[in-house]
Structures are given as C-alpha cells and as structure tokens.
PDB file of all heavy atoms in Angstrom:
ATOM      1  N   THR A   1       0.845  -1.184   0.000  1.00  0.00           N
ATOM      2  CA  THR A   1       0.000   0.000   0.000  1.00  0.00           C
ATOM      3  C   THR A   1       0.880   1.234   0.000  1.00  0.00           C
ATOM      4  O   THR A   1       2.104   1.144  -0.077  1.00  0.00           O
ATOM      5  CB  THR A   1      -0.942  -0.007   1.216  1.00  0.00           C
ATOM      6  OG1 THR A   1      -1.800   1.140   1.152  1.00  0.00           O
ATOM      7  CG2 THR A   1      -0.151   0.025   2.522  1.00  0.00           C
ATOM      8  N   HIS A   2       0.262   2.409   0.114  1.00  0.00           N
ATOM      9  CA  HIS A   2       1.027   3.653   0.098  1.00  0.00           C
ATOM     10  C   HIS A   2       1.830   3.823   1.389  1.00  0.00           C
ATOM     11  O   HIS A   2       1.305   3.629   2.488  1.00  0.00           O
ATOM     12  CB  HIS A   2       0.095   4.857  -0.033  1.00  0.00           C
ATOM     13  CG  HIS A   2      -0.602   4.949  -1.346  1.00  0.00           C
ATOM     14  ND1 HIS A   2       0.070   5.121  -2.534  1.00  0.00           N
ATOM     15  CD2 HIS A   2      -1.926   4.904  -1.668  1.00  0.00           C
ATOM     16  CE1 HIS A   2      -0.798   5.185  -3.529  1.00  0.00           C
ATOM     17  NE2 HIS A   2      -2.008   5.036  -3.036  1.00  0.00           N
ATOM     18  N   GLY A   3       3.082   4.214   1.240  1.00  0.00           N
ATOM     19  CA  GLY A   3       3.880   4.663   2.363  1.00  0.00           C
ATOM     20  C   GLY A   3       3.842   6.183   2.367  1.00  0.00           C
ATOM     21  O   GLY A   3       4.126   6.822   1.356  1.00  0.00           O
ATOM     22  N   LEU A   4       3.450   6.765   3.486  1.00  0.00           N
ATOM     23  CA  LEU A   4       3.283   8.214   3.577  1.00  0.00           C
ATOM     24  C   LEU A   4       4.340   8.821   4.478  1.00  0.00           C
ATOM     25  O   LEU A   4       4.846   8.165   5.401  1.00  0.00           O
ATOM     26  CB  LEU A   4       1.891   8.557   4.124  1.00  0.00           C
ATOM     27  CG  LEU A   4       0.703   7.952   3.364  1.00  0.00           C
ATOM     28  CD1 LEU A   4      -0.598   8.256   4.109  1.00  0.00           C
ATOM     29  CD2 LEU A   4       0.637   8.481   1.938  1.00  0.00           C
ATOM     30  N   VAL A   5       4.669  10.065   4.216  1.00  0.00           N
ATOM     31  CA  VAL A   5       5.612  10.795   5.061  1.00  0.00           C
ATOM     32  C   VAL A   5       4.883  12.003   5.633  1.00  0.00           C
ATOM     33  O   VAL A   5       3.820  12.395   5.137  1.00  0.00           O
ATOM     34  CB  VAL A   5       6.864  11.239   4.265  1.00  0.00           C
ATOM     35  CG1 VAL A   5       7.667  10.028   3.834  1.00  0.00           C
ATOM     36  CG2 VAL A   5       6.486  12.078   3.062  1.00  0.00           C
ATOM     37  N   PRO A   6       5.414  12.602   6.698  1.00  0.00           N
ATOM     38  CA  PRO A   6       4.745  13.753   7.311  1.00  0.00           C
ATOM     39  C   PRO A   6       4.400  14.833   6.286  1.00  0.00           C
ATOM     40  O   PRO A   6       5.217  15.195   5.444  1.00  0.00           O
ATOM     41  CB  PRO A   6       5.783  14.252   8.315  1.00  0.00           C
ATOM     42  CG  PRO A   6       6.535  13.021   8.706  1.00  0.00           C
ATOM     43  CD  PRO A   6       6.623  12.218   7.443  1.00  0.00           C
ATOM     44  N   GLY A   7       3.163  15.300   6.364  1.00  0.00           N
ATOM     45  CA  GLY A   7       2.715  16.342   5.450  1.00  0.00           C
ATOM     46  C   GLY A   7       1.936  15.833   4.260  1.00  0.00           C
ATOM     47  O   GLY A   7       1.282  16.615   3.566  1.00  0.00           O
ATOM     48  N   ASP A   8       1.961  14.520   3.994  1.00  0.00           N
ATOM     49  CA  ASP A   8       1.208  13.983   2.859  1.00  0.00           C
ATOM     50  C   ASP A   8      -0.294  14.144   3.059  1.00  0.00           C
ATOM     51  O   ASP A   8      -1.042  14.356   2.108  1.00  0.00           O
ATOM     52  CB  ASP A   8       1.538  12.505   2.638  1.00  0.00           C
ATOM     53  CG  ASP A   8       2.807  12.302   1.816  1.00  0.00           C
ATOM     54  OD1 ASP A   8       3.275  13.277   1.194  1.00  0.00           O
ATOM     55  OD2 ASP A   8       3.324  11.173   1.790  1.00  0.00           O
ATOM     56  N   LEU A   9      -0.752  13.986   4.322  1.00  0.00           N
ATOM     57  CA  LEU A   9      -2.169  14.159   4.644  1.00  0.00           C
ATOM     58  C   LEU A   9      -2.304  15.170   5.776  1.00  0.00           C
ATOM     59  O   LEU A   9      -1.347  15.410   6.527  1.00  0.00           O
ATOM     60  CB  LEU A   9      -2.802  12.825   5.063  1.00  0.00           C
ATOM     61  CG  LEU A   9      -2.790  11.678   4.053  1.00  0.00           C
ATOM     62  CD1 LEU A   9      -3.485  10.455   4.649  1.00  0.00           C
ATOM     63  CD2 LEU A   9      -3.452  12.086   2.747  1.00  0.00           C
ATOM     64  N   ASP A  10      -3.484  15.720   5.921  1.00  0.00           N
ATOM     65  CA  ASP A  10      -3.740  16.690   6.986  1.00  0.00           C
ATOM     66  C   ASP A  10      -3.434  16.081   8.351  1.00  0.00           C
ATOM     67  O   ASP A  10      -3.932  14.992   8.689  1.00  0.00           O
ATOM     68  CB  ASP A  10      -5.210  17.132   6.968  1.00  0.00           C
ATOM     69  CG  ASP A  10      -5.553  17.906   5.703  1.00  0.00           C
ATOM     70  OD1 ASP A  10      -4.629  18.334   5.009  1.00  0.00           O
ATOM     71  OD2 ASP A  10      -6.762  18.065   5.423  1.00  0.00           O
ATOM     72  N   GLY A  11      -2.632  16.759   9.132  1.00  0.00           N
ATOM     73  CA  GLY A  11      -2.344  16.330  10.497  1.00  0.00           C
ATOM     74  C   GLY A  11      -1.355  15.196  10.621  1.00  0.00           C
ATOM     75  O   GLY A  11      -1.050  14.765  11.741  1.00  0.00           O
ATOM     76  N   LEU A  12      -0.838  14.691   9.505  1.00  0.00           N
ATOM     77  CA  LEU A  12       0.104  13.577   9.571  1.00  0.00           C
ATOM     78  C   LEU A  12       1.487  14.121   9.926  1.00  0.00           C
ATOM     79  O   LEU A  12       2.099  14.842   9.140  1.00  0.00           O
ATOM     80  CB  LEU A  12       0.146  12.825   8.242  1.00  0.00           C
ATOM     81  CG  LEU A  12       1.036  11.576   8.193  1.00  0.00           C
ATOM     82  CD1 LEU A  12       0.528  10.524   9.172  1.00  0.00           C
ATOM     83  CD2 LEU A  12       1.076  10.997   6.781  1.00  0.00           C
ATOM     84  N   ASP A  13       1.974  13.744  11.110  1.00  0.00           N
ATOM     85  CA  ASP A  13       3.257  14.267  11.571  1.00  0.00           C
ATOM     86  C   ASP A  13       4.311  13.181  11.743  1.00  0.00           C
ATOM     87  O   ASP A  13       5.360  13.418  12.324  1.00  0.00           O
ATOM     88  CB  ASP A  13       3.079  15.026  12.888  1.00  0.00           C
ATOM     89  CG  ASP A  13       2.477  14.159  13.996  1.00  0.00           C
ATOM     90  OD1 ASP A  13       2.236  12.948  13.742  1.00  0.00           O
ATOM     91  OD2 ASP A  13       2.233  14.685  15.098  1.00  0.00           O
ATOM     92  N   GLN A  14       4.028  11.986  11.226  1.00  0.00           N
ATOM     93  CA  GLN A  14       5.002  10.902  11.279  1.00  0.00           C
ATOM     94  C   GLN A  14       4.742   9.950  10.116  1.00  0.00           C
ATOM     95  O   GLN A  14       3.650   9.942   9.558  1.00  0.00           O
ATOM     96  CB  GLN A  14       4.932  10.155  12.615  1.00  0.00           C
ATOM     97  CG  GLN A  14       3.562   9.600  12.960  1.00  0.00           C
ATOM     98  CD  GLN A  14       3.535   8.939  14.330  1.00  0.00           C
ATOM     99  OE1 GLN A  14       4.285   8.007  14.593  1.00  0.00           O
ATOM    100  NE2 GLN A  14       2.665   9.448  15.216  1.00  0.00           N
ATOM    101  N   PRO A  15       5.749   9.156   9.714  1.00  0.00           N
ATOM    102  CA  PRO A  15       5.542   8.211   8.609  1.00  0.00           C
ATOM    103  C   PRO A  15       4.399   7.246   8.923  1.00  0.00           C
ATOM    104  O   PRO A  15       4.145   6.922  10.094  1.00  0.00           O
ATOM    105  CB  PRO A  15       6.884   7.485   8.514  1.00  0.00           C
ATOM    106  CG  PRO A  15       7.870   8.414   9.129  1.00  0.00           C
ATOM    107  CD  PRO A  15       7.136   9.111  10.224  1.00  0.00           C
ATOM    108  N   ALA A  16       3.737   6.756   7.879  1.00  0.00           N
ATOM    109  CA  ALA A  16       2.594   5.867   8.085  1.00  0.00           C
ATOM    110  C   ALA A  16       2.328   5.035   6.845  1.00  0.00           C
ATOM    111  O   ALA A  16       2.755   5.377   5.742  1.00  0.00           O
ATOM    112  CB  ALA A  16       1.341   6.679   8.433  1.00  0.00           C
ATOM    113  N   LEU A  17       1.630   3.926   7.040  1.00  0.00           N
ATOM    114  CA  LEU A  17       1.103   3.108   5.953  1.00  0.00           C
ATOM    115  C   LEU A  17      -0.393   3.356   5.870  1.00  0.00           C
ATOM    116  O   LEU A  17      -1.092   3.368   6.886  1.00  0.00           O
ATOM    117  CB  LEU A  17       1.378   1.626   6.212  1.00  0.00           C
ATOM    118  CG  LEU A  17       2.840   1.177   6.160  1.00  0.00           C
ATOM    119  CD1 LEU A  17       2.959  -0.283   6.616  1.00  0.00           C
ATOM    120  CD2 LEU A  17       3.411   1.332   4.761  1.00  0.00           C
ATOM    121  N   ALA A  18      -0.891   3.542   4.656  1.00  0.00           N
ATOM    122  CA  ALA A  18      -2.316   3.819   4.453  1.00  0.00           C
ATOM    123  C   ALA A  18      -3.095   2.517   4.317  1.00  0.00           C
ATOM    124  O   ALA A  18      -2.761   1.666   3.491  1.00  0.00           O
ATOM    125  CB  ALA A  18      -2.511   4.681   3.213  1.00  0.00           C
ATOM    126  N   LEU A  19      -4.147   2.372   5.119  1.00  0.00           N
ATOM    127  CA  LEU A  19      -5.001   1.191   5.070  1.00  0.00           C
ATOM    128  C   LEU A  19      -6.442   1.617   4.785  1.00  0.00           C
ATOM    129  O   LEU A  19      -6.725   2.802   4.626  1.00  0.00           O
ATOM    130  CB  LEU A  19      -4.890   0.422   6.390  1.00  0.00           C
ATOM    131  CG  LEU A  19      -3.491  -0.159   6.648  1.00  0.00           C
ATOM    132  CD1 LEU A  19      -3.351  -0.636   8.082  1.00  0.00           C
ATOM    133  CD2 LEU A  19      -3.198  -1.295   5.675  1.00  0.00           C
ATOM    134  N   SER A  20      -7.347   0.661   4.689  1.00  0.00           N
ATOM    135  CA  SER A  20      -8.720   0.972   4.286  1.00  0.00           C
ATOM    136  C   SER A  20      -9.388   1.966   5.233  1.00  0.00           C
ATOM    137  O   SER A  20      -9.151   1.959   6.443  1.00  0.00           O
ATOM    138  CB  SER A  20      -9.550  -0.306   4.224  1.00  0.00           C
ATOM    139  OG  SER A  20      -9.280  -1.016   3.041  1.00  0.00           O
ATOM    140  N   SER A  21     -10.254   2.788   4.649  1.00  0.00           N
ATOM    141  CA  SER A  21     -10.962   3.784   5.436  1.00  0.00           C
ATOM    142  C   SER A  21     -11.840   3.100   6.484  1.00  0.00           C
ATOM    143  O   SER A  21     -12.599   2.179   6.161  1.00  0.00           O
ATOM    144  CB  SER A  21     -11.843   4.631   4.516  1.00  0.00           C
ATOM    145  OG  SER A  21     -12.700   5.461   5.274  1.00  0.00           O
ATOM    146  N   PRO A  22     -11.754   3.543   7.734  1.00  0.00           N
ATOM    147  CA  PRO A  22     -12.590   2.919   8.782  1.00  0.00           C
ATOM    148  C   PRO A  22     -14.077   3.137   8.548  1.00  0.00           C
ATOM    149  O   PRO A  22     -14.907   2.404   9.088  1.00  0.00           O
ATOM    150  CB  PRO A  22     -12.112   3.621  10.061  1.00  0.00           C
ATOM    151  CG  PRO A  22     -11.462   4.883   9.604  1.00  0.00           C
ATOM    152  CD  PRO A  22     -10.878   4.582   8.267  1.00  0.00           C
ATOM    153  N   GLN A  23     -14.453   4.112   7.731  1.00  0.00           N
ATOM    154  CA  GLN A  23     -15.864   4.379   7.459  1.00  0.00           C
ATOM    155  C   GLN A  23     -16.518   3.270   6.630  1.00  0.00           C
ATOM    156  O   GLN A  23     -17.728   3.116   6.648  1.00  0.00           O
ATOM    157  CB  GLN A  23     -15.997   5.709   6.720  1.00  0.00           C
ATOM    158  CG  GLN A  23     -15.489   6.901   7.515  1.00  0.00           C
ATOM    159  CD  GLN A  23     -15.522   8.191   6.719  1.00  0.00           C
ATOM    160  OE1 GLN A  23     -15.839   8.179   5.531  1.00  0.00           O
ATOM    161  NE2 GLN A  23     -15.197   9.299   7.363  1.00  0.00           N
ATOM    162  N   LEU A  24     -15.717   2.486   5.929  1.00  0.00           N
ATOM    163  CA  LEU A  24     -16.273   1.452   5.056  1.00  0.00           C
ATOM    164  C   LEU A  24     -16.710   0.218   5.819  1.00  0.00           C
ATOM    165  O   LEU A  24     -17.650  -0.474   5.421  1.00  0.00           O
ATOM    166  CB  LEU A  24     -15.244   1.054   3.989  1.00  0.00           C
ATOM    167  CG  LEU A  24     -14.790   2.180   3.057  1.00  0.00           C
ATOM    168  CD1 LEU A  24     -13.726   1.673   2.102  1.00  0.00           C
ATOM    169  CD2 LEU A  24     -15.984   2.738   2.295  1.00  0.00           C
ATOM    170  N   GLY A  25     -16.018  -0.088   6.900  1.00  0.00           N
ATOM    171  CA  GLY A  25     -16.347  -1.306   7.637  1.00  0.00           C
ATOM    172  C   GLY A  25     -16.758  -1.064   9.068  1.00  0.00           C
ATOM    173  O   GLY A  25     -16.877  -2.012   9.853  1.00  0.00           O
ATOM    174  N   GLY A  26     -16.947   0.193   9.435  1.00  0.00           N
ATOM    175  CA  GLY A  26     -17.344   0.508  10.796  1.00  0.00           C
ATOM    176  C   GLY A  26     -16.265   0.206  11.809  1.00  0.00           C
ATOM    177  O   GLY A  26     -16.565  -0.089  12.977  1.00  0.00           O
ATOM    178  N   THR A  27     -15.000   0.272  11.381  1.00  0.00           N
ATOM    179  CA  THR A  27     -13.906  -0.004  12.298  1.00  0.00           C
ATOM    180  C   THR A  27     -13.438   1.287  12.952  1.00  0.00           C
ATOM    181  O   THR A  27     -13.848   2.386  12.588  1.00  0.00           O
ATOM    182  CB  THR A  27     -12.732  -0.666  11.556  1.00  0.00           C
ATOM    183  OG1 THR A  27     -12.290   0.213  10.497  1.00  0.00           O
ATOM    184  CG2 THR A  27     -13.161  -1.988  10.954  1.00  0.00           C
ATOM    185  N   THR A  28     -12.554   1.151  13.919  1.00  0.00           N
ATOM    186  CA  THR A  28     -12.045   2.311  14.633  1.00  0.00           C
ATOM    187  C   THR A  28     -10.747   2.796  13.989  1.00  0.00           C
ATOM    188  O   THR A  28     -10.255   2.213  13.028  1.00  0.00           O
ATOM    189  CB  THR A  28     -11.778   1.954  16.108  1.00  0.00           C
ATOM    190  OG1 THR A  28     -10.814   0.883  16.166  1.00  0.00           O
ATOM    191  CG2 THR A  28     -13.059   1.492  16.790  1.00  0.00           C
ATOM    192  N   GLY A  29     -10.192   3.855  14.540  1.00  0.00           N
ATOM    193  CA  GLY A  29      -8.926   4.373  14.037  1.00  0.00           C
ATOM    194  C   GLY A  29      -9.124   5.354  12.898  1.00  0.00           C
ATOM    195  O   GLY A  29     -10.248   5.733  12.543  1.00  0.00           O
ATOM    196  N   ASP A  30      -8.006   5.737  12.295  1.00  0.00           N
ATOM    197  CA  ASP A  30      -8.045   6.720  11.217  1.00  0.00           C
ATOM    198  C   ASP A  30      -7.607   6.148   9.876  1.00  0.00           C
ATOM    199  O   ASP A  30      -7.480   6.875   8.894  1.00  0.00           O
ATOM    200  CB  ASP A  30      -7.162   7.920  11.573  1.00  0.00           C
ATOM    201  CG  ASP A  30      -5.724   7.515  11.903  1.00  0.00           C
ATOM    202  OD1 ASP A  30      -5.375   6.325  11.722  1.00  0.00           O
ATOM    203  OD2 ASP A  30      -4.951   8.382  12.351  1.00  0.00           O
ATOM    204  N   GLY A  31      -7.371   4.836   9.817  1.00  0.00           N
ATOM    205  CA  GLY A  31      -6.958   4.203   8.572  1.00  0.00           C
ATOM    206  C   GLY A  31      -5.478   4.325   8.292  1.00  0.00           C
ATOM    207  O   GLY A  31      -5.020   3.925   7.216  1.00  0.00           O
ATOM    208  N   LEU A  32      -4.720   4.833   9.252  1.00  0.00           N
ATOM    209  CA  LEU A  32      -3.284   5.002   9.081  1.00  0.00           C
ATOM    210  C   LEU A  32      -2.536   4.216  10.154  1.00  0.00           C
ATOM    211  O   LEU A  32      -2.827   4.345  11.346  1.00  0.00           O
ATOM    212  CB  LEU A  32      -2.898   6.482   9.189  1.00  0.00           C
ATOM    213  CG  LEU A  32      -3.518   7.420   8.155  1.00  0.00           C
ATOM    214  CD1 LEU A  32      -3.180   8.866   8.499  1.00  0.00           C
ATOM    215  CD2 LEU A  32      -3.036   7.077   6.751  1.00  0.00           C
ATOM    216  N   LEU A  33      -1.605   3.374   9.716  1.00  0.00           N
ATOM    217  CA  LEU A  33      -0.736   2.659  10.653  1.00  0.00           C
ATOM    218  C   LEU A  33       0.536   3.488  10.768  1.00  0.00           C
ATOM    219  O   LEU A  33       1.422   3.427   9.922  1.00  0.00           O
ATOM    220  CB  LEU A  33      -0.432   1.249  10.137  1.00  0.00           C
ATOM    221  CG  LEU A  33       0.316   0.327  11.107  1.00  0.00           C
ATOM    222  CD1 LEU A  33      -0.560   0.000  12.317  1.00  0.00           C
ATOM    223  CD2 LEU A  33       0.747  -0.959  10.407  1.00  0.00           C
ATOM    224  N   THR A  34       0.613   4.288  11.804  1.00  0.00           N
ATOM    225  CA  THR A  34       1.705   5.241  11.947  1.00  0.00           C
ATOM    226  C   THR A  34       2.949   4.580  12.532  1.00  0.00           C
ATOM    227  O   THR A  34       2.904   3.461  13.052  1.00  0.00           O
ATOM    228  CB  THR A  34       1.290   6.406  12.856  1.00  0.00           C
ATOM    229  OG1 THR A  34       1.036   5.889  14.179  1.00  0.00           O
ATOM    230  CG2 THR A  34       0.051   7.096  12.319  1.00  0.00           C
ATOM    231  N   MET A  35       4.051   5.316  12.470  1.00  0.00           N
ATOM    232  CA  MET A  35       5.301   4.820  13.020  1.00  0.00           C
ATOM    233  C   MET A  35       5.146   4.475  14.501  1.00  0.00           C
ATOM    234  O   MET A  35       5.638   3.451  14.969  1.00  0.00           O
ATOM    235  CB  MET A  35       6.403   5.864  12.836  1.00  0.00           C
ATOM    236  CG  MET A  35       7.764   5.436  13.343  1.00  0.00           C
ATOM    237  SD  MET A  35       9.070   6.651  13.013  1.00  0.00           S
ATOM    238  CE  MET A  35       8.598   7.946  14.155  1.00  0.00           C
ATOM    239  N   GLY A  36       4.444   5.325  15.250  1.00  0.00           N
ATOM    240  CA  GLY A  36       4.238   5.058  16.670  1.00  0.00           C
ATOM    241  C   GLY A  36       3.453   3.783  16.914  1.00  0.00           C
ATOM    242  O   GLY A  36       3.746   3.035  17.854  1.00  0.00           O
ATOM    243  N   GLU A  37       2.465   3.516  16.068  1.00  0.00           N
ATOM    244  CA  GLU A  37       1.672   2.299  16.221  1.00  0.00           C
ATOM    245  C   GLU A  37       2.461   1.063  15.809  1.00  0.00           C
ATOM    246  O   GLU A  37       2.294  -0.008  16.388  1.00  0.00           O
ATOM    247  CB  GLU A  37       0.388   2.431  15.401  1.00  0.00           C
ATOM    248  CG  GLU A  37      -0.567   3.472  15.978  1.00  0.00           C
ATOM    249  CD  GLU A  37      -1.693   3.836  15.038  1.00  0.00           C
ATOM    250  OE1 GLU A  37      -1.488   3.790  13.806  1.00  0.00           O
ATOM    251  OE2 GLU A  37      -2.789   4.178  15.533  1.00  0.00           O
ATOM    252  N   ILE A  38       3.319   1.200  14.803  1.00  0.00           N
ATOM    253  CA  ILE A  38       4.172   0.075  14.399  1.00  0.00           C
ATOM    254  C   ILE A  38       5.125  -0.299  15.527  1.00  0.00           C
ATOM    255  O   ILE A  38       5.397  -1.481  15.776  1.00  0.00           O
ATOM    256  CB  ILE A  38       4.952   0.430  13.117  1.00  0.00           C
ATOM    257  CG1 ILE A  38       3.990   0.591  11.936  1.00  0.00           C
ATOM    258  CG2 ILE A  38       5.994  -0.652  12.786  1.00  0.00           C
ATOM    259  CD1 ILE A  38       4.622   1.195  10.699  1.00  0.00           C
ATOM    260  N   LEU A  39       5.622   0.706  16.233  1.00  0.00           N
ATOM    261  CA  LEU A  39       6.522   0.446  17.358  1.00  0.00           C
ATOM    262  C   LEU A  39       5.840  -0.387  18.443  1.00  0.00           C
ATOM    263  O   LEU A  39       6.504  -1.091  19.198  1.00  0.00           O
ATOM    264  CB  LEU A  39       7.000   1.773  17.959  1.00  0.00           C
ATOM    265  CG  LEU A  39       8.011   2.570  17.129  1.00  0.00           C
ATOM    266  CD1 LEU A  39       8.179   3.971  17.686  1.00  0.00           C
ATOM    267  CD2 LEU A  39       9.349   1.849  17.083  1.00  0.00           C
ATOM    268  N   GLY A  40       4.521  -0.317  18.495  1.00  0.00           N
ATOM    269  CA  GLY A  40       3.782  -1.076  19.503  1.00  0.00           C
ATOM    270  C   GLY A  40       3.442  -2.495  19.085  1.00  0.00           C
ATOM    271  O   GLY A  40       2.916  -3.267  19.894  1.00  0.00           O
ATOM    272  N   LEU A  41       3.754  -2.878  17.832  1.00  0.00           N
ATOM    273  CA  LEU A  41       3.491  -4.243  17.378  1.00  0.00           C
ATOM    274  C   LEU A  41       4.525  -5.202  17.952  1.00  0.00           C
ATOM    275  O   LEU A  41       5.649  -4.812  18.268  1.00  0.00           O
ATOM    276  CB  LEU A  41       3.533  -4.314  15.847  1.00  0.00           C
ATOM    277  CG  LEU A  41       2.528  -3.443  15.078  1.00  0.00           C
ATOM    278  CD1 LEU A  41       2.768  -3.579  13.573  1.00  0.00           C
ATOM    279  CD2 LEU A  41       1.093  -3.831  15.423  1.00  0.00           C
TER     280      LEU A  41
END
C-alpha cells in the first residue's frame, strides 16, 4: 500500500502506511498505521 511521510495528509506528523478507510467497515482508528503504532506491534 502507500507509504506516507509527514505532510502527505492533513495532520500527519510521522511516517505511516495507508489502510482501508474505517468508514467502510465501521472499524475504529483513522486508517493510518503510523510509526508510533508500528513500534507497539
């Protein structure tokens, strides 16, 4: 999927991977797997 860097999207201040929009499946989150969240895996 897309690898994003800070500034690619509104409010994005760290690198992230773009995943499916949470609005499509009623899931939580913002659809972005950020660097901080990856560190928690």
